[in-house]
Amino acid sequence: MSKTIGIITGSLRKNSFSGSIAEYVKNHAPAGVVFKTIDISQLPLYNQDYDGADPEEYTTFRNEVLTLDGVLFITPEHNRSIPAALKNALDVGSRPYGKNVWNGKPGAVISQSPGGIGGFGANHHLRQVLAFLNVLTLAQPEAYIGSYHTLIDENGSLSNADTKAFLDSFLSSFISWMEKVS
């Protein structure tokens, strides 16, 4: 049976490191798995005043998430936390109250940064929010990719063999775990 896993990247920047990892993941999906990029760049800031009269972007996003078998979050770290765009997407998907599209979905987190600790703060802040939203988040292995700028080629594509092997192993673990919890 085929699984569709959404990829949500925390960075909106063109040619972002998170986007580079997402491209690698999409191009190296295990058999029977399709990774689909979910765009969060056009979501208006969540405002409870919209509940019941949601912007079209909210409805489209929520419906897209509902169709997914799981979600892979790939994020940079902004000021030791998650980017505002990613937090907004999580908020949009969790509202209105009682209609949380994240509820019970398997998820995993990859964080990256040009710094040495690989987005540790963002990874753990994201996990805290996902726990509240009842996203069943893969506990192990954890994925922190530091000094990402040294692992890519001149086109921004992942070129480091060890990092590719790590990501392949991480994805394999995530897929195997998803099969157990789904």
C-alpha atoms as a PDB file:
ATOM      1  CA  MET A   1       0.000   0.000   0.000  1.00  0.00           C
ATOM      2  CA  SER A   2       1.294   3.438  -0.920  1.00  0.00           C
ATOM      3  CA  LYS A   3       1.811   6.114   1.735  1.00  0.00           C
ATOM      4  CA  THR A   4       1.781   9.857   1.156  1.00  0.00           C
ATOM      5  CA  ILE A   5       3.887  11.851   3.564  1.00  0.00           C
ATOM      6  CA  GLY A   6       3.750  15.617   3.543  1.00  0.00           C
ATOM      7  CA  ILE A   7       6.946  17.598   3.859  1.00  0.00           C
ATOM      8  CA  ILE A   8       6.595  20.931   5.597  1.00  0.00           C
ATOM      9  CA  THR A   9       9.696  23.088   5.610  1.00  0.00           C
ATOM     10  CA  GLY A  10      10.032  25.834   8.173  1.00  0.00           C
ATOM     11  CA  SER A  11      12.017  28.076   5.872  1.00  0.00           C
ATOM     12  CA  LEU A  12      10.351  30.220   3.231  1.00  0.00           C
ATOM     13  CA  ARG A  13      13.683  31.313   1.747  1.00  0.00           C
ATOM     14  CA  LYS A  14      14.426  30.474  -1.880  1.00  0.00           C
ATOM     15  CA  ASN A  15      17.179  27.825  -2.027  1.00  0.00           C
ATOM     16  CA  SER A  16      16.928  27.213   1.720  1.00  0.00           C
ATOM     17  CA  PHE A  17      18.846  24.450   3.447  1.00  0.00           C
ATOM     18  CA  SER A  18      15.547  22.922   4.587  1.00  0.00           C
ATOM     19  CA  GLY A  19      14.380  22.930   0.973  1.00  0.00           C
ATOM     20  CA  SER A  20      17.599  21.211  -0.067  1.00  0.00           C
ATOM     21  CA  ILE A  21      16.949  18.416   2.433  1.00  0.00           C
ATOM     22  CA  ALA A  22      13.328  18.195   1.255  1.00  0.00           C
ATOM     23  CA  GLU A  23      14.472  17.753  -2.352  1.00  0.00           C
ATOM     24  CA  TYR A  24      16.845  14.985  -1.322  1.00  0.00           C
ATOM     25  CA  VAL A  25      14.061  13.242   0.607  1.00  0.00           C
ATOM     26  CA  LYS A  26      11.574  13.499  -2.274  1.00  0.00           C
ATOM     27  CA  ASN A  27      14.115  12.090  -4.720  1.00  0.00           C
ATOM     28  CA  HIS A  28      15.095   9.200  -2.437  1.00  0.00           C
ATOM     29  CA  ALA A  29      11.734   8.023  -1.198  1.00  0.00           C
ATOM     30  CA  PRO A  30      11.591   4.351  -0.254  1.00  0.00           C
ATOM     31  CA  ALA A  31       9.402   2.125  -2.438  1.00  0.00           C
ATOM     32  CA  GLY A  32       5.700   2.644  -1.778  1.00  0.00           C
ATOM     33  CA  VAL A  33       6.170   6.129  -0.305  1.00  0.00           C
ATOM     34  CA  VAL A  34       5.469   9.460  -1.933  1.00  0.00           C
ATOM     35  CA  PHE A  35       6.759  12.616  -0.304  1.00  0.00           C
ATOM     36  CA  LYS A  36       4.676  15.671  -1.148  1.00  0.00           C
ATOM     37  CA  THR A  37       5.717  19.247  -0.415  1.00  0.00           C
ATOM     38  CA  ILE A  38       3.076  21.213   1.487  1.00  0.00           C
ATOM     39  CA  ASP A  39       3.438  24.945   0.878  1.00  0.00           C
ATOM     40  CA  ILE A  40       2.934  27.136   3.942  1.00  0.00           C
ATOM     41  CA  SER A  41       4.199  30.386   2.420  1.00  0.00           C
ATOM     42  CA  GLN A  42       0.762  31.769   1.504  1.00  0.00           C
ATOM     43  CA  LEU A  43      -1.020  31.120   4.804  1.00  0.00           C
ATOM     44  CA  PRO A  44      -2.323  34.332   6.380  1.00  0.00           C
ATOM     45  CA  LEU A  45      -1.434  34.695  10.047  1.00  0.00           C
ATOM     46  CA  TYR A  46      -3.829  32.690  12.179  1.00  0.00           C
ATOM     47  CA  ASN A  47      -6.569  34.837  13.658  1.00  0.00           C
ATOM     48  CA  GLN A  48      -9.406  33.338  15.689  1.00  0.00           C
ATOM     49  CA  ASP A  49     -11.720  35.948  14.195  1.00  0.00           C
ATOM     50  CA  TYR A  50     -11.535  33.902  10.957  1.00  0.00           C
ATOM     51  CA  ASP A  51     -12.992  30.758  12.584  1.00  0.00           C
ATOM     52  CA  GLY A  52     -16.161  29.934  10.704  1.00  0.00           C
ATOM     53  CA  ALA A  53     -15.268  32.279   7.847  1.00  0.00           C
ATOM     54  CA  ASP A  54     -11.839  30.879   7.037  1.00  0.00           C
ATOM     55  CA  PRO A  55      -9.647  32.311   4.314  1.00  0.00           C
ATOM     56  CA  GLU A  56      -9.482  29.961   1.315  1.00  0.00           C
ATOM     57  CA  GLU A  57      -5.790  29.314   2.060  1.00  0.00           C
ATOM     58  CA  TYR A  58      -6.707  27.887   5.487  1.00  0.00           C
ATOM     59  CA  THR A  59      -9.287  25.516   4.022  1.00  0.00           C
ATOM     60  CA  THR A  60      -6.969  24.329   1.232  1.00  0.00           C
ATOM     61  CA  PHE A  61      -4.121  23.739   3.677  1.00  0.00           C
ATOM     62  CA  ARG A  62      -6.265  21.882   6.215  1.00  0.00           C
ATOM     63  CA  ASN A  63      -7.791  19.655   3.538  1.00  0.00           C
ATOM     64  CA  GLU A  64      -4.339  18.863   2.163  1.00  0.00           C
ATOM     65  CA  VAL A  65      -3.038  17.857   5.601  1.00  0.00           C
ATOM     66  CA  LEU A  66      -6.107  15.661   6.188  1.00  0.00           C
ATOM     67  CA  THR A  67      -5.201  13.547   3.127  1.00  0.00           C
ATOM     68  CA  LEU A  68      -1.688  12.757   4.392  1.00  0.00           C
ATOM     69  CA  ASP A  69      -0.615   9.505   6.011  1.00  0.00           C
ATOM     70  CA  GLY A  70       2.146  11.318   7.913  1.00  0.00           C
ATOM     71  CA  VAL A  71       4.151  14.533   8.067  1.00  0.00           C
ATOM     72  CA  LEU A  72       7.886  15.200   7.932  1.00  0.00           C
ATOM     73  CA  PHE A  73       8.874  18.586   9.330  1.00  0.00           C
ATOM     74  CA  ILE A  74      12.203  19.979   8.119  1.00  0.00           C
ATOM     75  CA  THR A  75      13.154  23.192   9.858  1.00  0.00           C
ATOM     76  CA  PRO A  76      15.912  25.670  10.480  1.00  0.00           C
ATOM     77  CA  GLU A  77      16.348  27.317  13.834  1.00  0.00           C
ATOM     78  CA  HIS A  78      15.311  30.938  14.334  1.00  0.00           C
ATOM     79  CA  ASN A  79      16.479  32.460  17.610  1.00  0.00           C
ATOM     80  CA  ARG A  80      16.649  29.018  19.309  1.00  0.00           C
ATOM     81  CA  SER A  81      13.096  28.177  18.244  1.00  0.00           C
ATOM     82  CA  ILE A  82      10.977  27.401  15.191  1.00  0.00           C
ATOM     83  CA  PRO A  83      10.325  29.898  12.411  1.00  0.00           C
ATOM     84  CA  ALA A  84       7.156  31.969  12.667  1.00  0.00           C
ATOM     85  CA  ALA A  85       5.793  30.566   9.383  1.00  0.00           C
ATOM     86  CA  LEU A  86       5.980  27.016  10.721  1.00  0.00           C
ATOM     87  CA  LYS A  87       4.281  27.940  14.002  1.00  0.00           C
ATOM     88  CA  ASN A  88       1.568  29.694  12.013  1.00  0.00           C
ATOM     89  CA  ALA A  89       0.966  26.567   9.901  1.00  0.00           C
ATOM     90  CA  LEU A  90       0.681  24.460  13.049  1.00  0.00           C
ATOM     91  CA  ASP A  91      -1.818  26.947  14.501  1.00  0.00           C
ATOM     92  CA  VAL A  92      -3.884  27.115  11.299  1.00  0.00           C
ATOM     93  CA  GLY A  93      -4.083  23.319  11.173  1.00  0.00           C
ATOM     94  CA  SER A  94      -5.104  23.002  14.817  1.00  0.00           C
ATOM     95  CA  ARG A  95      -8.091  25.350  14.681  1.00  0.00           C
ATOM     96  CA  PRO A  96     -10.926  25.955  15.086  1.00  0.00           C
ATOM     97  CA  TYR A  97     -11.056  24.188  18.425  1.00  0.00           C
ATOM     98  CA  GLY A  98     -12.032  20.537  18.015  1.00  0.00           C
ATOM     99  CA  LYS A  99     -10.967  20.339  14.357  1.00  0.00           C
ATOM    100  CA  ASN A 100      -7.233  19.661  14.696  1.00  0.00           C
ATOM    101  CA  VAL A 101      -6.072  18.196  11.344  1.00  0.00           C
ATOM    102  CA  TRP A 102      -2.803  17.078  12.968  1.00  0.00           C
ATOM    103  CA  ASN A 103      -4.537  14.834  15.521  1.00  0.00           C
ATOM    104  CA  GLY A 104      -3.090  11.318  15.486  1.00  0.00           C
ATOM    105  CA  LYS A 105      -0.860  11.827  12.435  1.00  0.00           C
ATOM    106  CA  PRO A 106       2.577  10.199  12.544  1.00  0.00           C
ATOM    107  CA  GLY A 107       5.334  12.774  12.247  1.00  0.00           C
ATOM    108  CA  ALA A 108       9.083  13.207  12.301  1.00  0.00           C
ATOM    109  CA  VAL A 109      11.434  16.171  12.656  1.00  0.00           C
ATOM    110  CA  ILE A 110      14.679  17.029  10.906  1.00  0.00           C
ATOM    111  CA  SER A 111      16.364  20.244  11.966  1.00  0.00           C
ATOM    112  CA  GLN A 112      19.350  21.850  10.343  1.00  0.00           C
ATOM    113  CA  SER A 113      21.482  24.907  10.714  1.00  0.00           C
ATOM    114  CA  PRO A 114      24.779  26.321   9.575  1.00  0.00           C
ATOM    115  CA  GLY A 115      25.810  26.146  13.243  1.00  0.00           C
ATOM    116  CA  GLY A 116      27.302  23.145  14.961  1.00  0.00           C
ATOM    117  CA  ILE A 117      24.278  22.022  17.010  1.00  0.00           C
ATOM    118  CA  GLY A 118      22.037  21.466  14.007  1.00  0.00           C
ATOM    119  CA  GLY A 119      18.960  23.342  15.129  1.00  0.00           C
ATOM    120  CA  PHE A 120      18.645  21.574  18.498  1.00  0.00           C
ATOM    121  CA  GLY A 121      16.455  24.351  19.967  1.00  0.00           C
ATOM    122  CA  ALA A 122      14.077  24.363  16.994  1.00  0.00           C
ATOM    123  CA  ASN A 123      13.843  20.581  17.007  1.00  0.00           C
ATOM    124  CA  HIS A 124      12.811  20.447  20.646  1.00  0.00           C
ATOM    125  CA  HIS A 125      10.470  23.439  20.527  1.00  0.00           C
ATOM    126  CA  LEU A 126       8.748  21.865  17.537  1.00  0.00           C
ATOM    127  CA  ARG A 127       8.418  18.553  19.374  1.00  0.00           C
ATOM    128  CA  GLN A 128       6.775  20.376  22.296  1.00  0.00           C
ATOM    129  CA  VAL A 129       4.107  21.868  20.005  1.00  0.00           C
ATOM    130  CA  LEU A 130       3.620  18.563  18.151  1.00  0.00           C
ATOM    131  CA  ALA A 131       3.043  16.737  21.448  1.00  0.00           C
ATOM    132  CA  PHE A 132       0.247  19.155  22.324  1.00  0.00           C
ATOM    133  CA  LEU A 133      -1.301  18.745  18.855  1.00  0.00           C
ATOM    134  CA  ASN A 134      -1.180  14.941  19.255  1.00  0.00           C
ATOM    135  CA  VAL A 135       1.200  14.391  16.365  1.00  0.00           C
ATOM    136  CA  LEU A 136       2.698  10.973  17.072  1.00  0.00           C
ATOM    137  CA  THR A 137       6.314  12.044  16.713  1.00  0.00           C
ATOM    138  CA  LEU A 138       9.166   9.627  16.029  1.00  0.00           C
ATOM    139  CA  ALA A 139      11.357   9.690  19.144  1.00  0.00           C
ATOM    140  CA  GLN A 140      14.425   7.905  17.772  1.00  0.00           C
ATOM    141  CA  PRO A 141      16.480   8.393  15.759  1.00  0.00           C
ATOM    142  CA  GLU A 142      16.715  12.140  16.152  1.00  0.00           C
ATOM    143  CA  ALA A 143      17.902  14.253  13.230  1.00  0.00           C
ATOM    144  CA  TYR A 144      20.026  17.350  13.824  1.00  0.00           C
ATOM    145  CA  ILE A 145      22.172  18.347  10.851  1.00  0.00           C
ATOM    146  CA  GLY A 146      24.816  20.905  11.730  1.00  0.00           C
ATOM    147  CA  SER A 147      27.095  22.905   9.444  1.00  0.00           C
ATOM    148  CA  TYR A 148      24.726  22.176   6.566  1.00  0.00           C
ATOM    149  CA  HIS A 149      26.399  24.722   4.301  1.00  0.00           C
ATOM    150  CA  THR A 150      29.473  22.447   4.201  1.00  0.00           C
ATOM    151  CA  LEU A 151      27.425  19.423   3.057  1.00  0.00           C
ATOM    152  CA  ILE A 152      26.065  20.825  -0.215  1.00  0.00           C
ATOM    153  CA  ASP A 153      27.458  21.472  -3.667  1.00  0.00           C
ATOM    154  CA  GLU A 154      27.557  24.768  -5.564  1.00  0.00           C
ATOM    155  CA  ASN A 155      23.921  24.230  -6.650  1.00  0.00           C
ATOM    156  CA  GLY A 156      22.704  23.776  -3.063  1.00  0.00           C
ATOM    157  CA  SER A 157      22.141  20.031  -3.437  1.00  0.00           C
ATOM    158  CA  LEU A 158      23.153  17.679  -0.672  1.00  0.00           C
ATOM    159  CA  SER A 159      26.472  16.127  -1.681  1.00  0.00           C
ATOM    160  CA  ASN A 160      27.886  14.655   1.531  1.00  0.00           C
ATOM    161  CA  ALA A 161      27.753  10.845   1.389  1.00  0.00           C
ATOM    162  CA  ASP A 162      27.595  10.374   5.182  1.00  0.00           C
ATOM    163  CA  THR A 163      24.656  12.786   5.494  1.00  0.00           C
ATOM    164  CA  LYS A 164      22.855  11.065   2.611  1.00  0.00           C
ATOM    165  CA  ALA A 165      23.335   7.694   4.338  1.00  0.00           C
ATOM    166  CA  PHE A 166      22.088   9.148   7.616  1.00  0.00           C
ATOM    167  CA  LEU A 167      18.966  10.602   5.966  1.00  0.00           C
ATOM    168  CA  ASP A 168      18.267   7.316   4.156  1.00  0.00           C
ATOM    169  CA  SER A 169      18.500   5.453   7.465  1.00  0.00           C
ATOM    170  CA  PHE A 170      16.337   8.085   9.214  1.00  0.00           C
ATOM    171  CA  LEU A 171      13.643   7.819   6.523  1.00  0.00           C
ATOM    172  CA  SER A 172      13.710   4.035   6.699  1.00  0.00           C
ATOM    173  CA  SER A 173      13.244   4.193  10.474  1.00  0.00           C
ATOM    174  CA  PHE A 174      10.409   6.708  10.113  1.00  0.00           C
ATOM    175  CA  ILE A 175       8.570   4.598   7.525  1.00  0.00           C
ATOM    176  CA  SER A 176       8.966   1.404   9.574  1.00  0.00           C
ATOM    177  CA  TRP A 177       7.747   3.174  12.697  1.00  0.00           C
ATOM    178  CA  MET A 178       4.795   4.707  10.825  1.00  0.00           C
ATOM    179  CA  GLU A 179       3.668   1.237   9.776  1.00  0.00           C
ATOM    180  CA  LYS A 180       3.597   0.186  13.424  1.00  0.00           C
ATOM    181  CA  VAL A 181       1.619   3.176  14.705  1.00  0.00           C
ATOM    182  CA  SER A 182      -0.791   3.549  11.781  1.00  0.00           C
END
